[in-house]
């Protein structure tokens, strides 16, 4: 599909998130990355996004099942 980017390029768009003042920027970047990759790449992109969570953001999401998002 035209306009889609490779998964490795999408992962470069995702900043780290601590849950402090960077939540909006993080969500915006994740939304853009998710819409920019092929649908079959979304599960691995979601796993990568989880690795970018730290501190308070990680504590909130640590035990959530994100495999069906």
PDB file of N, CA and C in Angstrom:
ATOM      1  N   UNK A   1       0.845  -1.179   0.000  1.00  0.00           N
ATOM      2  CA  UNK A   1       0.000   0.000   0.000  1.00  0.00           C
ATOM      3  C   UNK A   1       0.891   1.243   0.000  1.00  0.00           C
ATOM      4  N   UNK A   2       0.610   2.209  -0.864  1.00  0.00           N
ATOM      5  CA  UNK A   2       1.426   3.410  -0.929  1.00  0.00           C
ATOM      6  C   UNK A   2       1.306   4.237   0.352  1.00  0.00           C
ATOM      7  N   UNK A   3       2.392   4.917   0.680  1.00  0.00           N
ATOM      8  CA  UNK A   3       2.368   5.779   1.848  1.00  0.00           C
ATOM      9  C   UNK A   3       2.763   5.107   3.146  1.00  0.00           C
ATOM     10  N   UNK A   4       2.958   3.811   3.133  1.00  0.00           N
ATOM     11  CA  UNK A   4       3.356   3.095   4.348  1.00  0.00           C
ATOM     12  C   UNK A   4       4.876   3.101   4.452  1.00  0.00           C
ATOM     13  N   UNK A   5       5.378   3.053   5.684  1.00  0.00           N
ATOM     14  CA  UNK A   5       6.822   3.063   5.895  1.00  0.00           C
ATOM     15  C   UNK A   5       7.258   1.749   6.527  1.00  0.00           C
ATOM     16  N   UNK A   6       8.531   1.391   6.378  1.00  0.00           N
ATOM     17  CA  UNK A   6       9.027   0.156   6.998  1.00  0.00           C
ATOM     18  C   UNK A   6       8.978   0.251   8.529  1.00  0.00           C
ATOM     19  N   UNK A   7       8.872  -0.894   9.153  1.00  0.00           N
ATOM     20  CA  UNK A   7       8.777  -0.961  10.609  1.00  0.00           C
ATOM     21  C   UNK A   7       9.977  -0.310  11.289  1.00  0.00           C
ATOM     22  N   UNK A   8      11.172  -0.534  10.762  1.00  0.00           N
ATOM     23  CA  UNK A   8      12.363   0.040  11.406  1.00  0.00           C
ATOM     24  C   UNK A   8      12.343   1.567  11.387  1.00  0.00           C
ATOM     25  N   UNK A   9      11.772   2.155  10.359  1.00  0.00           N
ATOM     26  CA  UNK A   9      11.647   3.616  10.303  1.00  0.00           C
ATOM     27  C   UNK A   9      10.595   4.106  11.294  1.00  0.00           C
ATOM     28  N   UNK A  10       9.513   3.351  11.442  1.00  0.00           N
ATOM     29  CA  UNK A  10       8.456   3.738  12.378  1.00  0.00           C
ATOM     30  C   UNK A  10       8.952   3.715  13.814  1.00  0.00           C
ATOM     31  N   UNK A  11       9.802   2.747  14.143  1.00  0.00           N
ATOM     32  CA  UNK A  11      10.298   2.667  15.516  1.00  0.00           C
ATOM     33  C   UNK A  11      11.182   3.862  15.865  1.00  0.00           C
ATOM     34  N   UNK A  12      11.805   4.462  14.886  1.00  0.00           N
ATOM     35  CA  UNK A  12      12.636   5.645  15.141  1.00  0.00           C
ATOM     36  C   UNK A  12      11.800   6.856  15.545  1.00  0.00           C
ATOM     37  N   UNK A  13      10.514   6.832  15.243  1.00  0.00           N
ATOM     38  CA  UNK A  13       9.624   7.947  15.559  1.00  0.00           C
ATOM     39  C   UNK A  13       9.174   7.946  17.015  1.00  0.00           C
ATOM     40  N   UNK A  14       9.336   6.836  17.712  1.00  0.00           N
ATOM     41  CA  UNK A  14       8.781   6.685  19.056  1.00  0.00           C
ATOM     42  C   UNK A  14       9.773   7.190  20.106  1.00  0.00           C
ATOM     43  N   UNK A  15       9.404   8.250  20.843  1.00  0.00           N
ATOM     44  CA  UNK A  15      10.280   8.732  21.915  1.00  0.00           C
ATOM     45  C   UNK A  15      10.069   7.906  23.188  1.00  0.00           C
ATOM     46  N   UNK A  16      10.926   8.094  24.162  1.00  0.00           N
ATOM     47  CA  UNK A  16      10.689   7.452  25.457  1.00  0.00           C
ATOM     48  C   UNK A  16       9.614   8.238  26.197  1.00  0.00           C
ATOM     49  N   UNK A  17       8.930   7.564  27.101  1.00  0.00           N
ATOM     50  CA  UNK A  17       7.855   8.199  27.863  1.00  0.00           C
ATOM     51  C   UNK A  17       8.005   7.838  29.331  1.00  0.00           C
ATOM     52  N   UNK A  18       8.052   8.849  30.180  1.00  0.00           N
ATOM     53  CA  UNK A  18       8.144   8.621  31.619  1.00  0.00           C
ATOM     54  C   UNK A  18       6.805   8.809  32.314  1.00  0.00           C
ATOM     55  N   UNK A  19       5.848   9.385  31.607  1.00  0.00           N
ATOM     56  CA  UNK A  19       4.542   9.640  32.199  1.00  0.00           C
ATOM     57  C   UNK A  19       4.461  10.995  32.870  1.00  0.00           C
ATOM     58  N   UNK A  20       5.490  11.781  32.766  1.00  0.00           N
ATOM     59  CA  UNK A  20       5.493  13.116  33.370  1.00  0.00           C
ATOM     60  C   UNK A  20       4.840  14.105  32.396  1.00  0.00           C
ATOM     61  N   UNK A  21       5.642  14.875  31.726  1.00  0.00           N
ATOM     62  CA  UNK A  21       5.119  15.908  30.819  1.00  0.00           C
ATOM     63  C   UNK A  21       5.153  15.488  29.360  1.00  0.00           C
ATOM     64  N   UNK A  22       5.557  14.265  29.115  1.00  0.00           N
ATOM     65  CA  UNK A  22       5.779  13.835  27.738  1.00  0.00           C
ATOM     66  C   UNK A  22       4.688  12.922  27.186  1.00  0.00           C
ATOM     67  N   UNK A  23       3.587  12.784  27.890  1.00  0.00           N
ATOM     68  CA  UNK A  23       2.545  11.831  27.489  1.00  0.00           C
ATOM     69  C   UNK A  23       1.909  12.218  26.154  1.00  0.00           C
ATOM     70  N   UNK A  24       1.536  13.472  25.989  1.00  0.00           N
ATOM     71  CA  UNK A  24       0.880  13.896  24.753  1.00  0.00           C
ATOM     72  C   UNK A  24       1.790  13.667  23.547  1.00  0.00           C
ATOM     73  N   UNK A  25       3.045  14.061  23.667  1.00  0.00           N
ATOM     74  CA  UNK A  25       4.010  13.874  22.577  1.00  0.00           C
ATOM     75  C   UNK A  25       4.166  12.391  22.259  1.00  0.00           C
ATOM     76  N   UNK A  26       4.230  11.559  23.290  1.00  0.00           N
ATOM     77  CA  UNK A  26       4.387  10.120  23.112  1.00  0.00           C
ATOM     78  C   UNK A  26       3.176   9.517  22.393  1.00  0.00           C
ATOM     79  N   UNK A  27       1.982   9.851  22.844  1.00  0.00           N
ATOM     80  CA  UNK A  27       0.760   9.322  22.222  1.00  0.00           C
ATOM     81  C   UNK A  27       0.652   9.775  20.773  1.00  0.00           C
ATOM     82  N   UNK A  28       0.963  11.017  20.519  1.00  0.00           N
ATOM     83  CA  UNK A  28       0.907  11.547  19.155  1.00  0.00           C
ATOM     84  C   UNK A  28       1.884  10.805  18.236  1.00  0.00           C
ATOM     85  N   UNK A  29       3.101  10.564  18.720  1.00  0.00           N
ATOM     86  CA  UNK A  29       4.102   9.847  17.923  1.00  0.00           C
ATOM     87  C   UNK A  29       3.686   8.399  17.694  1.00  0.00           C
ATOM     88  N   UNK A  30       3.132   7.755  18.726  1.00  0.00           N
ATOM     89  CA  UNK A  30       2.677   6.365  18.588  1.00  0.00           C
ATOM     90  C   UNK A  30       1.534   6.263  17.588  1.00  0.00           C
ATOM     91  N   UNK A  31       0.606   7.204  17.641  1.00  0.00           N
ATOM     92  CA  UNK A  31      -0.519   7.212  16.709  1.00  0.00           C
ATOM     93  C   UNK A  31      -0.026   7.372  15.275  1.00  0.00           C
ATOM     94  N   UNK A  32       0.904   8.270  15.072  1.00  0.00           N
ATOM     95  CA  UNK A  32       1.463   8.477  13.734  1.00  0.00           C
ATOM     96  C   UNK A  32       2.191   7.230  13.249  1.00  0.00           C
ATOM     97  N   UNK A  33       2.995   6.630  14.111  1.00  0.00           N
ATOM     98  CA  UNK A  33       3.744   5.426  13.728  1.00  0.00           C
ATOM     99  C   UNK A  33       2.795   4.275  13.399  1.00  0.00           C
ATOM    100  N   UNK A  34       1.756   4.098  14.205  1.00  0.00           N
ATOM    101  CA  UNK A  34       0.805   3.001  13.969  1.00  0.00           C
ATOM    102  C   UNK A  34       0.047   3.179  12.658  1.00  0.00           C
ATOM    103  N   UNK A  35      -0.264   4.406  12.316  1.00  0.00           N
ATOM    104  CA  UNK A  35      -0.984   4.631  11.061  1.00  0.00           C
ATOM    105  C   UNK A  35      -0.057   4.585   9.849  1.00  0.00           C
ATOM    106  N   UNK A  36       1.253   4.637  10.079  1.00  0.00           N
ATOM    107  CA  UNK A  36       2.207   4.680   8.971  1.00  0.00           C
ATOM    108  C   UNK A  36       2.742   3.312   8.563  1.00  0.00           C
ATOM    109  N   UNK A  37       2.469   2.268   9.353  1.00  0.00           N
ATOM    110  CA  UNK A  37       2.988   0.931   9.022  1.00  0.00           C
ATOM    111  C   UNK A  37       1.869   0.034   8.503  1.00  0.00           C
ATOM    112  N   UNK A  38       2.267  -1.051   7.887  1.00  0.00           N
ATOM    113  CA  UNK A  38       1.297  -2.042   7.420  1.00  0.00           C
ATOM    114  C   UNK A  38       0.590  -2.678   8.617  1.00  0.00           C
ATOM    115  N   UNK A  39      -0.634  -3.100   8.417  1.00  0.00           N
ATOM    116  CA  UNK A  39      -1.435  -3.668   9.500  1.00  0.00           C
ATOM    117  C   UNK A  39      -0.759  -4.883  10.139  1.00  0.00           C
ATOM    118  N   UNK A  40      -0.089  -5.698   9.353  1.00  0.00           N
ATOM    119  CA  UNK A  40       0.558  -6.897   9.903  1.00  0.00           C
ATOM    120  C   UNK A  40       1.778  -6.558  10.770  1.00  0.00           C
ATOM    121  N   UNK A  41       2.270  -5.326  10.696  1.00  0.00           N
ATOM    122  CA  UNK A  41       3.398  -4.895  11.529  1.00  0.00           C
ATOM    123  C   UNK A  41       2.963  -4.314  12.876  1.00  0.00           C
ATOM    124  N   UNK A  42       1.672  -4.099  13.080  1.00  0.00           N
ATOM    125  CA  UNK A  42       1.195  -3.476  14.313  1.00  0.00           C
ATOM    126  C   UNK A  42       1.526  -4.259  15.584  1.00  0.00           C
ATOM    127  N   UNK A  43       1.408  -5.595  15.617  1.00  0.00           N
ATOM    128  CA  UNK A  43       1.747  -6.304  16.869  1.00  0.00           C
ATOM    129  C   UNK A  43       3.192  -6.100  17.316  1.00  0.00           C
ATOM    130  N   UNK A  44       4.131  -6.147  16.397  1.00  0.00           N
ATOM    131  CA  UNK A  44       5.533  -5.958  16.775  1.00  0.00           C
ATOM    132  C   UNK A  44       5.806  -4.494  17.116  1.00  0.00           C
ATOM    133  N   UNK A  45       5.145  -3.573  16.438  1.00  0.00           N
ATOM    134  CA  UNK A  45       5.299  -2.158  16.769  1.00  0.00           C
ATOM    135  C   UNK A  45       4.765  -1.890  18.175  1.00  0.00           C
ATOM    136  N   UNK A  46       3.657  -2.505  18.529  1.00  0.00           N
ATOM    137  CA  UNK A  46       3.099  -2.351  19.876  1.00  0.00           C
ATOM    138  C   UNK A  46       4.067  -2.860  20.932  1.00  0.00           C
ATOM    139  N   UNK A  47       4.704  -3.980  20.674  1.00  0.00           N
ATOM    140  CA  UNK A  47       5.703  -4.498  21.612  1.00  0.00           C
ATOM    141  C   UNK A  47       6.875  -3.530  21.735  1.00  0.00           C
ATOM    142  N   UNK A  48       7.301  -2.958  20.629  1.00  0.00           N
ATOM    143  CA  UNK A  48       8.387  -1.986  20.673  1.00  0.00           C
ATOM    144  C   UNK A  48       7.977  -0.751  21.466  1.00  0.00           C
ATOM    145  N   UNK A  49       6.759  -0.281  21.250  1.00  0.00           N
ATOM    146  CA  UNK A  49       6.270   0.892  21.987  1.00  0.00           C
ATOM    147  C   UNK A  49       6.338   0.638  23.489  1.00  0.00           C
ATOM    148  N   UNK A  50       5.993  -0.566  23.910  1.00  0.00           N
ATOM    149  CA  UNK A  50       6.051  -0.900  25.340  1.00  0.00           C
ATOM    150  C   UNK A  50       7.464  -0.792  25.899  1.00  0.00           C
ATOM    151  N   UNK A  51       8.474  -1.009  25.069  1.00  0.00           N
ATOM    152  CA  UNK A  51       9.859  -0.903  25.552  1.00  0.00           C
ATOM    153  C   UNK A  51      10.283   0.542  25.756  1.00  0.00           C
ATOM    154  N   UNK A  52       9.505   1.488  25.267  1.00  0.00           N
ATOM    155  CA  UNK A  52       9.837   2.903  25.400  1.00  0.00           C
ATOM    156  C   UNK A  52       9.193   3.552  26.631  1.00  0.00           C
ATOM    157  N   UNK A  53       8.488   2.749  27.430  1.00  0.00           N
ATOM    158  CA  UNK A  53       7.847   3.265  28.640  1.00  0.00           C
ATOM    159  C   UNK A  53       8.780   3.136  29.834  1.00  0.00           C
ATOM    160  N   UNK A  54       8.853   4.183  30.636  1.00  0.00           N
ATOM    161  CA  UNK A  54       9.700   4.197  31.825  1.00  0.00           C
ATOM    162  C   UNK A  54       8.955   4.860  32.980  1.00  0.00           C
ATOM    163  N   UNK A  55       9.455   4.665  34.178  1.00  0.00           N
ATOM    164  CA  UNK A  55       8.975   5.326  35.392  1.00  0.00           C
ATOM    165  C   UNK A  55       7.462   5.156  35.563  1.00  0.00           C
ATOM    166  N   UNK A  56       6.750   6.269  35.736  1.00  0.00           N
ATOM    167  CA  UNK A  56       5.313   6.231  36.006  1.00  0.00           C
ATOM    168  C   UNK A  56       4.533   5.611  34.844  1.00  0.00           C
ATOM    169  N   UNK A  57       4.908   5.906  33.622  1.00  0.00           N
ATOM    170  CA  UNK A  57       4.215   5.342  32.457  1.00  0.00           C
ATOM    171  C   UNK A  57       4.347   3.825  32.428  1.00  0.00           C
ATOM    172  N   UNK A  58       5.507   3.318  32.763  1.00  0.00           N
ATOM    173  CA  UNK A  58       5.716   1.872  32.804  1.00  0.00           C
ATOM    174  C   UNK A  58       4.885   1.234  33.910  1.00  0.00           C
ATOM    175  N   UNK A  59       4.827   1.866  35.068  1.00  0.00           N
ATOM    176  CA  UNK A  59       4.045   1.322  36.179  1.00  0.00           C
ATOM    177  C   UNK A  59       2.564   1.218  35.843  1.00  0.00           C
ATOM    178  N   UNK A  60       2.046   2.160  35.094  1.00  0.00           N
ATOM    179  CA  UNK A  60       0.632   2.144  34.712  1.00  0.00           C
ATOM    180  C   UNK A  60       0.340   1.023  33.719  1.00  0.00           C
ATOM    181  N   UNK A  61       1.257   0.754  32.815  1.00  0.00           N
ATOM    182  CA  UNK A  61       1.019  -0.190  31.719  1.00  0.00           C
ATOM    183  C   UNK A  61       1.661  -1.556  31.905  1.00  0.00           C
ATOM    184  N   UNK A  62       2.426  -1.742  32.944  1.00  0.00           N
ATOM    185  CA  UNK A  62       3.252  -2.941  33.100  1.00  0.00           C
ATOM    186  C   UNK A  62       2.473  -4.248  32.933  1.00  0.00           C
ATOM    187  N   UNK A  63       1.323  -4.392  33.541  1.00  0.00           N
ATOM    188  CA  UNK A  63       0.601  -5.669  33.527  1.00  0.00           C
ATOM    189  C   UNK A  63      -0.615  -5.665  32.600  1.00  0.00           C
ATOM    190  N   UNK A  64      -0.677  -4.722  31.708  1.00  0.00           N
ATOM    191  CA  UNK A  64      -1.796  -4.653  30.755  1.00  0.00           C
ATOM    192  C   UNK A  64      -1.492  -5.509  29.531  1.00  0.00           C
ATOM    193  N   UNK A  65      -2.523  -6.175  29.036  1.00  0.00           N
ATOM    194  CA  UNK A  65      -2.381  -6.976  27.816  1.00  0.00           C
ATOM    195  C   UNK A  65      -2.588  -6.060  26.613  1.00  0.00           C
ATOM    196  N   UNK A  66      -1.525  -5.789  25.899  1.00  0.00           N
ATOM    197  CA  UNK A  66      -1.612  -4.920  24.726  1.00  0.00           C
ATOM    198  C   UNK A  66      -1.588  -5.710  23.427  1.00  0.00           C
ATOM    199  N   UNK A  67      -1.692  -7.018  23.514  1.00  0.00           N
ATOM    200  CA  UNK A  67      -1.615  -7.840  22.303  1.00  0.00           C
ATOM    201  C   UNK A  67      -2.867  -7.729  21.443  1.00  0.00           C
ATOM    202  N   UNK A  68      -3.958  -7.224  21.984  1.00  0.00           N
ATOM    203  CA  UNK A  68      -5.204  -7.134  21.219  1.00  0.00           C
ATOM    204  C   UNK A  68      -5.604  -5.700  20.923  1.00  0.00           C
ATOM    205  N   UNK A  69      -4.673  -4.776  20.979  1.00  0.00           N
ATOM    206  CA  UNK A  69      -5.006  -3.377  20.702  1.00  0.00           C
ATOM    207  C   UNK A  69      -5.106  -3.120  19.226  1.00  0.00           C
TER     208      UNK A  69
END
